[in-house]
Amino acid sequence: MKNYYLSYVSLLLLVIYADCQRLQSVSDDDLLQLIKEKDKLIVMFTKPNCDVCNKFDTHLESLQDDFKKHLSAVTVKTENSHLARLYSPTKEPALVFFRHGVPLLFGGEPDENEIYSYFEKNQSPAVKELSDKIFEHITQAATGATTGDWFVMFYGASCVECQRLHAVWEGVGATLRGRVNVARIDANLAGATTAKRFHVTKLPAFLFFRHGKVYRYELPKNDIKSFVIFAQDWYKNSKGDPVPLLASPFDELVDWCVAFIKESIGYGLHVLTEHPWIWQIGVAGFGLVAVTALIALFKARKTKPAKENKKEKKSK
């Protein structure tokens, strides 16, 4: 009987231990709150009947104590989350590390050593934020001087696809850390002049700067692996254009004048199209002015000879 109770207690302890090792499952509302509250949060986006998800789940259960002890990170999971698409274009399975709210997508295989090493090395954001004021000074894009190669994402606050690639781009920065500088710039606000300089009209846009040349990423896939391969070697297969020099104040003034004239002409044509009576009044007014001028000119020519005749009679 004693051995029976010992076996029962041991089994109960094992069940309790196994239950403690399981990842905490949270809802979308709870997850959003955790992202706001926790400095470091590791989230596994999973779905039912997914073998790869189960592999990640098993590894994270083994690693969660190490994450808490060495990285001060809490580890949770969420199933069939509506938020998965915000951080991973391919959705589940997706492993995301939030550092003060900044998401980093893990792009490797379900391997314990790889997962831990990746997160341990990237406890701070890898992507730099640029603006018009510091772009050329930081990147030295036109000279290709001492700061190395740069891979820059042009994004916009209202661009949904840009927001979905935020975690992916952090993954690119983490993977290329120490080899290629990875940055992003707001093409509509703080980086509007830089976007204009490089003729960026569609967002998101990805430009790779190397040795005074700019290469445009135009591959169909927007995943970590494709971006990394492009920056490491594939850029050689695309056309490299010389980096345009910074515009002088005079160039900016000319561009502003041209844009203003185009806008004014466009607005004028729009008004005339919408209100044709303005055009009619304008033509009538011009015609009236022209007729008045012709009459005045005719009278002036008619009066001039009469004055000359009076002078001739006086002289006689």
Protein backbone atom coordinates (compact mmCIF):
# COMPACT_ATOMS: atom_id res chain seq x y z
CA MET A 1 0.00 0.00 0.00
CA LYS A 2 2.86 2.33 0.86
CA ASN A 3 4.48 1.78 -2.52
CA TYR A 4 1.14 2.43 -4.18
CA TYR A 5 0.83 5.84 -2.50
CA LEU A 6 4.42 6.71 -3.39
CA SER A 7 3.78 5.84 -7.01
CA TYR A 8 0.58 7.90 -6.99
CA VAL A 9 2.33 10.93 -5.49
CA SER A 10 5.20 10.64 -7.98
CA LEU A 11 2.78 10.45 -10.88
CA LEU A 12 0.87 13.45 -9.55
CA LEU A 13 4.08 15.46 -9.24
CA LEU A 14 5.02 14.56 -12.80
CA VAL A 15 1.63 15.69 -14.05
CA ILE A 16 1.93 18.96 -12.13
CA TYR A 17 5.46 19.51 -13.44
CA ALA A 18 4.42 18.75 -17.00
CA ASP A 19 1.49 21.14 -16.67
CA CYS A 20 3.81 23.86 -15.36
CA GLN A 21 6.10 23.36 -18.33
CA ARG A 22 3.32 23.93 -20.84
CA LEU A 23 3.18 27.30 -22.52
CA GLN A 24 0.50 29.65 -21.28
CA SER A 25 -2.22 30.09 -23.89
CA VAL A 26 -3.64 33.60 -24.28
CA SER A 27 -6.40 35.34 -26.25
CA ASP A 28 -5.82 38.23 -28.67
CA ASP A 29 -6.97 40.78 -26.07
CA ASP A 30 -4.61 39.33 -23.46
CA LEU A 31 -1.78 39.28 -26.00
CA LEU A 32 -2.21 42.96 -26.86
CA GLN A 33 -2.11 43.80 -23.17
CA LEU A 34 1.04 41.72 -22.64
CA ILE A 35 2.77 43.44 -25.58
CA LYS A 36 2.10 46.79 -23.88
CA GLU A 37 3.09 45.67 -20.39
CA LYS A 38 6.10 43.37 -20.90
CA ASP A 39 9.52 44.67 -21.87
CA LYS A 40 10.32 41.30 -23.48
CA LEU A 41 7.71 38.86 -24.70
CA ILE A 42 8.07 35.73 -26.85
CA VAL A 43 4.90 34.64 -28.66
CA MET A 44 4.22 31.45 -30.56
CA PHE A 45 1.42 31.84 -33.12
CA THR A 46 0.07 28.34 -33.70
CA LYS A 47 -2.86 26.45 -35.23
CA PRO A 48 -4.40 22.97 -34.82
CA ASN A 49 -3.11 19.93 -36.73
CA CYS A 50 0.23 21.56 -37.51
CA ASP A 51 3.30 19.34 -37.08
CA VAL A 52 5.79 22.21 -37.37
CA CYS A 53 3.78 24.19 -34.79
CA ASN A 54 4.02 21.23 -32.40
CA LYS A 55 7.80 21.08 -32.84
CA PHE A 56 8.14 24.76 -32.01
CA ASP A 57 5.79 24.30 -29.06
CA THR A 58 7.92 21.48 -27.63
CA HIS A 59 11.16 23.47 -27.96
CA LEU A 60 9.66 26.58 -26.40
CA GLU A 61 8.39 24.58 -23.43
CA SER A 62 11.97 23.48 -22.81
CA LEU A 63 13.36 26.99 -23.32
CA GLN A 64 10.85 29.13 -21.45
CA ASP A 65 12.73 28.88 -18.12
CA ASP A 66 15.98 29.93 -19.81
CA PHE A 67 14.20 32.81 -21.54
CA LYS A 68 12.83 33.99 -18.21
CA LYS A 69 16.11 33.59 -16.34
CA HIS A 70 18.61 34.92 -18.87
CA LEU A 71 16.54 37.23 -21.10
CA SER A 72 13.85 38.29 -18.60
CA ALA A 73 11.31 37.30 -21.25
CA VAL A 74 7.86 35.79 -20.77
CA THR A 75 6.83 33.06 -23.24
CA VAL A 76 3.21 32.46 -24.33
CA LYS A 77 1.30 31.01 -27.25
CA THR A 78 -1.92 31.88 -29.07
CA GLU A 79 -3.95 29.66 -31.38
CA ASN A 80 -5.74 30.85 -34.55
CA SER A 81 -4.95 34.43 -33.66
CA HIS A 82 -6.22 37.25 -35.86
CA LEU A 83 -2.99 39.08 -35.07
CA ALA A 84 -0.73 36.51 -36.74
CA ARG A 85 -0.93 38.21 -40.15
CA LEU A 86 0.38 41.45 -38.61
CA TYR A 87 3.72 39.83 -37.85
CA SER A 88 4.10 37.01 -40.38
CA PRO A 89 3.02 37.11 -44.05
CA THR A 90 2.70 33.31 -44.04
CA LYS A 91 0.83 33.31 -40.69
CA GLU A 92 1.20 30.21 -38.49
CA PRO A 93 3.56 28.89 -37.38
CA ALA A 94 5.24 32.14 -36.40
CA LEU A 95 7.61 32.83 -33.54
CA VAL A 96 7.86 36.52 -32.62
CA PHE A 97 10.07 38.23 -30.02
CA PHE A 98 8.72 41.59 -28.77
CA ARG A 99 11.33 43.95 -27.33
CA HIS A 100 9.58 46.97 -25.80
CA GLY A 101 6.81 46.40 -28.34
CA VAL A 102 9.12 46.08 -31.37
CA PRO A 103 8.47 42.68 -33.02
CA LEU A 104 11.19 40.40 -34.39
CA LEU A 105 10.15 37.41 -36.51
CA PHE A 106 12.21 34.25 -36.22
CA GLY A 107 12.99 32.92 -39.68
CA GLY A 108 14.84 29.70 -38.88
CA GLU A 109 14.04 26.06 -38.26
CA PRO A 110 12.47 24.62 -35.06
CA ASP A 111 15.78 23.99 -33.32
CA GLU A 112 16.35 24.83 -29.64
CA ASN A 113 19.91 26.08 -30.01
CA GLU A 114 19.09 28.18 -33.06
CA ILE A 115 16.02 29.75 -31.44
CA TYR A 116 17.79 30.62 -28.19
CA SER A 117 20.90 31.97 -29.91
CA TYR A 118 18.82 34.12 -32.27
CA PHE A 119 16.81 35.76 -29.50
CA GLU A 120 19.78 36.07 -27.13
CA LYS A 121 21.76 38.03 -29.76
CA ASN A 122 18.85 40.30 -30.68
CA GLN A 123 17.47 41.60 -27.42
CA SER A 124 17.52 45.11 -28.90
CA PRO A 125 16.10 46.25 -32.29
CA ALA A 126 18.37 45.66 -35.28
CA VAL A 127 16.72 48.11 -37.69
CA LYS A 128 17.77 51.77 -37.60
CA GLU A 129 15.28 54.59 -38.17
CA LEU A 130 16.44 57.21 -40.69
CA SER A 131 15.15 60.62 -41.77
CA ASP A 132 15.92 63.27 -44.40
CA LYS A 133 18.19 65.12 -41.97
CA ILE A 134 20.52 62.22 -41.26
CA PHE A 135 20.12 59.91 -44.28
CA GLU A 136 23.18 60.98 -46.27
CA HIS A 137 25.36 61.57 -43.20
CA ILE A 138 24.61 58.12 -41.78
CA THR A 139 24.55 56.04 -44.97
CA GLN A 140 27.02 58.03 -47.13
CA ALA A 141 25.03 56.52 -50.01
CA ALA A 142 26.37 58.90 -52.67
CA THR A 143 30.04 58.33 -51.79
CA GLY A 144 29.89 54.68 -50.68
CA ALA A 145 32.52 55.56 -48.11
CA THR A 146 33.05 54.09 -44.66
CA THR A 147 29.68 53.07 -43.21
CA GLY A 148 29.24 49.94 -45.34
CA ASP A 149 26.28 48.61 -47.32
CA TRP A 150 22.74 49.70 -46.47
CA PHE A 151 19.41 47.95 -47.08
CA VAL A 152 16.58 50.46 -46.56
CA MET A 153 12.83 49.94 -46.42
CA PHE A 154 10.67 52.91 -47.45
CA TYR A 155 7.35 52.69 -45.62
CA GLY A 156 4.28 54.76 -44.76
CA ALA A 157 2.07 54.89 -41.68
CA SER A 158 -1.06 54.32 -43.78
CA CYS A 159 0.48 51.41 -45.74
CA VAL A 160 -1.02 48.15 -44.38
CA GLU A 161 1.54 45.94 -46.14
CA CYS A 162 4.34 48.03 -44.61
CA GLN A 163 3.01 47.39 -41.11
CA ARG A 164 2.79 43.65 -41.79
CA LEU A 165 6.45 43.60 -42.81
CA HIS A 166 7.74 45.35 -39.70
CA ALA A 167 8.57 42.10 -37.88
CA VAL A 168 9.97 40.59 -41.10
CA TRP A 169 12.26 43.58 -41.64
CA GLU A 170 13.51 43.26 -38.05
CA GLY A 171 14.26 39.64 -38.89
CA VAL A 172 16.30 40.80 -41.90
CA GLY A 173 18.21 43.22 -39.69
CA ALA A 174 18.86 40.53 -37.09
CA THR A 175 20.09 38.03 -39.69
CA LEU A 176 22.38 40.55 -41.43
CA ARG A 177 23.58 42.20 -38.21
CA GLY A 178 27.30 42.99 -38.45
CA ARG A 179 27.41 42.50 -42.23
CA VAL A 180 24.83 44.84 -43.74
CA ASN A 181 23.18 47.89 -42.15
CA VAL A 182 19.40 47.52 -42.24
CA ALA A 183 17.20 50.58 -41.83
CA ARG A 184 13.81 52.04 -42.60
CA ILE A 185 12.50 55.51 -43.42
CA ASP A 186 9.03 57.05 -43.50
CA ALA A 187 8.51 58.03 -47.15
CA ASN A 188 5.54 60.28 -46.36
CA LEU A 189 6.82 62.26 -43.39
CA ALA A 190 10.40 62.36 -42.06
CA GLY A 191 11.79 60.82 -45.25
CA ALA A 192 9.65 62.48 -47.94
CA THR A 193 12.59 64.32 -49.54
CA THR A 194 14.72 61.16 -49.61
CA ALA A 195 11.87 59.17 -51.17
CA LYS A 196 11.57 61.86 -53.85
CA ARG A 197 15.33 61.78 -54.41
CA PHE A 198 15.21 58.04 -55.20
CA HIS A 199 11.92 58.20 -57.13
CA VAL A 200 10.04 56.05 -54.63
CA THR A 201 6.37 56.20 -55.63
CA LYS A 202 5.02 52.86 -54.41
CA LEU A 203 5.22 51.51 -50.86
CA PRO A 204 6.75 49.47 -49.46
CA ALA A 205 9.97 49.90 -51.43
CA PHE A 206 13.33 48.28 -50.68
CA LEU A 207 16.60 49.87 -51.86
CA PHE A 208 20.06 48.37 -51.42
CA PHE A 209 23.00 50.81 -51.38
CA ARG A 210 26.51 49.59 -52.16
CA HIS A 211 29.64 51.42 -53.38
CA GLY A 212 27.79 54.50 -54.64
CA LYS A 213 25.09 52.54 -56.46
CA VAL A 214 21.47 51.76 -55.61
CA TYR A 215 19.80 48.42 -56.40
CA ARG A 216 16.02 48.04 -56.23
CA TYR A 217 14.55 44.89 -54.68
CA GLU A 218 11.84 43.70 -57.08
CA LEU A 219 11.59 39.99 -56.26
CA PRO A 220 8.04 38.63 -55.73
CA LYS A 221 8.65 37.28 -52.20
CA ASN A 222 8.79 39.51 -49.13
CA ASP A 223 10.24 37.06 -46.62
CA ILE A 224 13.39 37.11 -44.51
CA LYS A 225 15.25 34.53 -46.59
CA SER A 226 14.63 36.32 -49.92
CA PHE A 227 15.67 39.71 -48.55
CA VAL A 228 18.86 38.27 -47.02
CA ILE A 229 19.84 36.44 -50.21
CA PHE A 230 19.33 39.64 -52.23
CA ALA A 231 21.55 41.69 -49.91
CA GLN A 232 24.26 39.05 -49.82
CA ASP A 233 24.56 38.23 -53.50
CA TRP A 234 21.42 38.44 -55.63
CA TYR A 235 21.62 42.25 -56.03
CA LYS A 236 24.29 41.59 -58.68
CA ASN A 237 21.54 40.29 -60.96
CA SER A 238 19.66 43.60 -60.90
CA LYS A 239 20.60 46.92 -62.48
CA GLY A 240 22.61 49.23 -60.26
CA ASP A 241 22.05 52.96 -60.81
CA PRO A 242 24.40 55.70 -59.59
CA VAL A 243 23.11 57.24 -56.39
CA PRO A 244 21.74 60.72 -57.24
CA LEU A 245 23.46 63.59 -55.48
CA LEU A 246 21.64 65.69 -52.92
CA ALA A 247 19.60 68.47 -54.50
CA SER A 248 20.91 72.03 -53.95
CA PRO A 249 18.61 74.74 -52.53
CA PHE A 250 18.30 76.15 -56.08
CA ASP A 251 17.26 72.72 -57.44
CA GLU A 252 14.66 72.41 -54.70
CA LEU A 253 13.33 75.90 -55.52
CA VAL A 254 13.07 75.04 -59.22
CA ASP A 255 11.31 71.75 -58.42
CA TRP A 256 8.89 73.60 -56.14
CA CYS A 257 8.14 76.20 -58.85
CA VAL A 258 7.56 73.51 -61.48
CA ALA A 259 5.28 71.57 -59.15
CA PHE A 260 3.39 74.74 -58.26
CA ILE A 261 2.88 75.67 -61.93
CA LYS A 262 1.71 72.15 -62.79
CA GLU A 263 -0.67 72.14 -59.87
CA SER A 264 -2.00 75.59 -60.77
CA ILE A 265 -2.54 74.63 -64.42
CA GLY A 266 -4.20 71.39 -63.40
CA TYR A 267 -6.47 73.21 -60.97
CA GLY A 268 -7.31 75.82 -63.60
CA LEU A 269 -8.26 73.17 -66.15
CA HIS A 270 -10.33 71.38 -63.52
CA VAL A 271 -12.22 74.59 -62.70
CA LEU A 272 -12.86 75.33 -66.39
CA THR A 273 -14.11 71.78 -66.94
CA GLU A 274 -16.41 71.88 -63.94
CA HIS A 275 -17.60 75.45 -64.63
CA PRO A 276 -17.61 76.13 -68.41
CA TRP A 277 -19.32 79.52 -67.87
CA ILE A 278 -16.00 80.81 -66.51
CA TRP A 279 -14.41 79.98 -69.84
CA GLN A 280 -17.23 81.72 -71.69
CA ILE A 281 -16.94 84.83 -69.53
CA GLY A 282 -13.17 84.80 -70.04
CA VAL A 283 -13.53 84.59 -73.83
CA ALA A 284 -16.20 87.29 -73.86
CA GLY A 285 -14.06 89.51 -71.66
CA PHE A 286 -11.03 88.99 -73.85
CA GLY A 287 -13.13 89.75 -76.94
CA LEU A 288 -14.48 92.96 -75.36
CA VAL A 289 -11.00 94.12 -74.46
CA ALA A 290 -9.75 93.32 -77.95
CA VAL A 291 -12.62 95.22 -79.64
CA THR A 292 -12.12 98.24 -77.35
CA ALA A 293 -8.42 98.28 -78.18
CA LEU A 294 -9.11 98.12 -81.92
CA ILE A 295 -11.60 100.99 -81.71
CA ALA A 296 -9.15 103.10 -79.74
CA LEU A 297 -6.41 102.36 -82.24
CA PHE A 298 -8.72 103.24 -85.18
CA LYS A 299 -9.69 106.58 -83.60
CA ALA A 300 -6.06 107.40 -82.89
CA ARG A 301 -5.07 106.75 -86.48
CA LYS A 302 -8.01 108.81 -87.76
CA THR A 303 -7.27 111.80 -85.54
CA LYS A 304 -3.53 112.00 -86.29
CA PRO A 305 -3.74 113.18 -89.98
CA ALA A 306 -6.27 115.92 -89.02
CA LYS A 307 -3.77 117.43 -86.59
CA GLU A 308 -1.05 117.32 -89.20
CA ASN A 309 -3.34 119.20 -91.75
CA LYS A 310 -3.99 121.95 -89.21
CA LYS A 311 -0.26 122.44 -88.76
CA GLU A 312 0.27 122.67 -92.54
CA LYS A 313 -2.47 125.37 -92.93
CA LYS A 314 -0.92 127.41 -90.08
CA SER A 315 2.45 127.40 -91.73
CA LYS A 316 0.96 128.81 -94.94
